[in-house]
């Protein structure tokens, strides 16, 4: 089931930096979308490079994708270095976006689409 995320208080995230793992599909992709839409710079990673690039291209310069397998420590370190080199500070980071219901409302998606459609 696909879900859609809406922001409850977008001012909190405007002009901030967020880091999201698993941002190429599903709820992670929707977090990338919503954060980019409210003006947050989002660095995100995922294993699937094709899906990650689709998301990065869809949301323009506010989205920055790096292919990472979180089971490989060297890739995690490279992703962290990538973010550190580009961002002054990180405002928000999550590996389990569903745990932060205080800032977001998660709603059923009426028209589910596949990644890149």
Protein backbone atom coordinates (compact mmCIF):
# COMPACT_ATOMS: atom_id res chain seq x y z
CA UNK A 1 0.00 0.00 0.00
CA UNK A 2 1.31 3.42 -0.92
CA UNK A 3 0.94 6.33 1.45
CA UNK A 4 1.07 10.08 1.06
CA UNK A 5 2.67 12.37 3.61
CA UNK A 6 1.65 15.92 4.30
CA UNK A 7 3.50 18.45 6.43
CA UNK A 8 1.79 19.82 9.52
CA UNK A 9 4.25 22.68 10.14
CA UNK A 10 6.40 23.40 7.12
CA UNK A 11 8.15 26.45 8.60
CA UNK A 12 10.12 24.14 10.88
CA UNK A 13 11.91 22.58 7.88
CA UNK A 14 12.37 25.50 5.46
CA UNK A 15 16.02 26.16 4.56
CA UNK A 16 17.19 23.23 6.72
CA UNK A 17 19.12 20.06 5.87
CA UNK A 18 17.66 16.58 6.25
CA UNK A 19 19.21 13.14 5.78
CA UNK A 20 16.97 10.20 4.90
CA UNK A 21 17.87 6.59 4.27
CA UNK A 22 15.64 4.55 1.99
CA UNK A 23 14.45 7.63 0.11
CA UNK A 24 13.97 6.11 -3.33
CA UNK A 25 10.67 4.29 -2.78
CA UNK A 26 7.55 4.17 -0.64
CA UNK A 27 7.25 6.29 2.46
CA UNK A 28 10.92 7.34 2.29
CA UNK A 29 10.37 8.78 -1.18
CA UNK A 30 7.36 10.69 0.09
CA UNK A 31 9.44 12.15 2.92
CA UNK A 32 11.99 13.33 0.35
CA UNK A 33 9.19 14.89 -1.72
CA UNK A 34 7.51 16.70 1.14
CA UNK A 35 10.77 18.03 2.61
CA UNK A 36 11.93 19.30 -0.80
CA UNK A 37 8.54 20.93 -1.39
CA UNK A 38 8.82 22.97 1.82
CA UNK A 39 12.35 24.12 0.95
CA UNK A 40 14.51 21.65 2.85
CA UNK A 41 17.74 20.38 1.28
CA UNK A 42 17.47 16.59 1.42
CA UNK A 43 20.40 14.21 1.21
CA UNK A 44 19.09 10.70 0.77
CA UNK A 45 20.41 7.26 0.03
CA UNK A 46 19.08 3.91 -1.13
CA UNK A 47 20.40 0.72 -2.68
CA UNK A 48 18.51 1.10 -5.96
CA UNK A 49 20.43 3.65 -8.05
CA UNK A 50 17.84 3.81 -10.82
CA UNK A 51 14.99 4.68 -8.45
CA UNK A 52 17.19 7.07 -6.49
CA UNK A 53 18.12 9.04 -9.62
CA UNK A 54 14.45 9.23 -10.65
CA UNK A 55 13.60 10.80 -7.27
CA UNK A 56 16.61 13.13 -7.38
CA UNK A 57 15.65 14.35 -10.86
CA UNK A 58 11.99 14.77 -9.88
CA UNK A 59 12.75 17.15 -7.00
CA UNK A 60 15.60 19.13 -8.51
CA UNK A 61 18.45 20.82 -6.65
CA UNK A 62 16.84 20.32 -3.23
CA UNK A 63 17.34 16.52 -3.55
CA UNK A 64 20.78 14.91 -3.45
CA UNK A 65 20.97 11.13 -3.94
CA UNK A 66 23.84 8.74 -3.16
CA UNK A 67 23.61 5.00 -3.78
CA UNK A 68 24.33 3.23 -0.49
CA UNK A 69 23.89 -0.27 0.84
CA UNK A 70 23.54 0.20 4.60
CA UNK A 71 24.99 -3.27 5.14
CA UNK A 72 28.36 -1.98 3.85
CA UNK A 73 30.13 0.26 6.40
CA UNK A 74 32.39 1.84 3.77
CA UNK A 75 29.35 3.02 1.82
CA UNK A 76 27.80 4.48 4.97
CA UNK A 77 31.03 6.36 5.69
CA UNK A 78 31.18 7.64 2.11
CA UNK A 79 27.58 8.89 2.34
CA UNK A 80 28.33 10.64 5.64
CA UNK A 81 31.40 12.27 4.09
CA UNK A 82 29.34 13.37 1.07
CA UNK A 83 26.82 15.09 3.33
CA UNK A 84 29.49 16.55 5.62
CA UNK A 85 31.32 18.13 2.66
CA UNK A 86 28.17 19.81 1.33
CA UNK A 87 26.03 20.68 4.36
CA UNK A 88 26.91 23.14 7.11
CA UNK A 89 24.73 21.29 9.59
CA UNK A 90 22.01 18.65 9.69
CA UNK A 91 18.65 19.61 11.13
CA UNK A 92 16.82 16.31 10.78
CA UNK A 93 17.79 12.71 10.13
CA UNK A 94 15.78 9.51 10.12
CA UNK A 95 15.99 5.87 9.18
CA UNK A 96 12.43 5.20 10.33
CA UNK A 97 10.34 8.09 9.00
CA UNK A 98 7.10 6.64 10.34
CA UNK A 99 8.30 7.30 13.90
CA UNK A 100 7.92 11.07 13.63
CA UNK A 101 4.17 11.46 13.43
CA UNK A 102 4.32 14.72 15.40
CA UNK A 103 5.53 16.67 12.34
CA UNK A 104 3.76 14.76 9.59
CA UNK A 105 0.39 13.23 8.84
CA UNK A 106 0.51 9.95 6.93
CA UNK A 107 -2.52 9.37 4.73
CA UNK A 108 -3.52 6.53 2.38
CA UNK A 109 -2.57 7.36 -1.19
CA UNK A 110 -5.58 7.48 -3.49
CA UNK A 111 -3.73 6.71 -6.71
CA UNK A 112 -0.77 4.44 -6.15
CA UNK A 113 1.94 4.71 -8.81
CA UNK A 114 5.15 2.80 -9.32
CA UNK A 115 8.48 4.57 -8.82
CA UNK A 116 9.24 6.71 -11.82
CA UNK A 117 5.76 6.61 -13.30
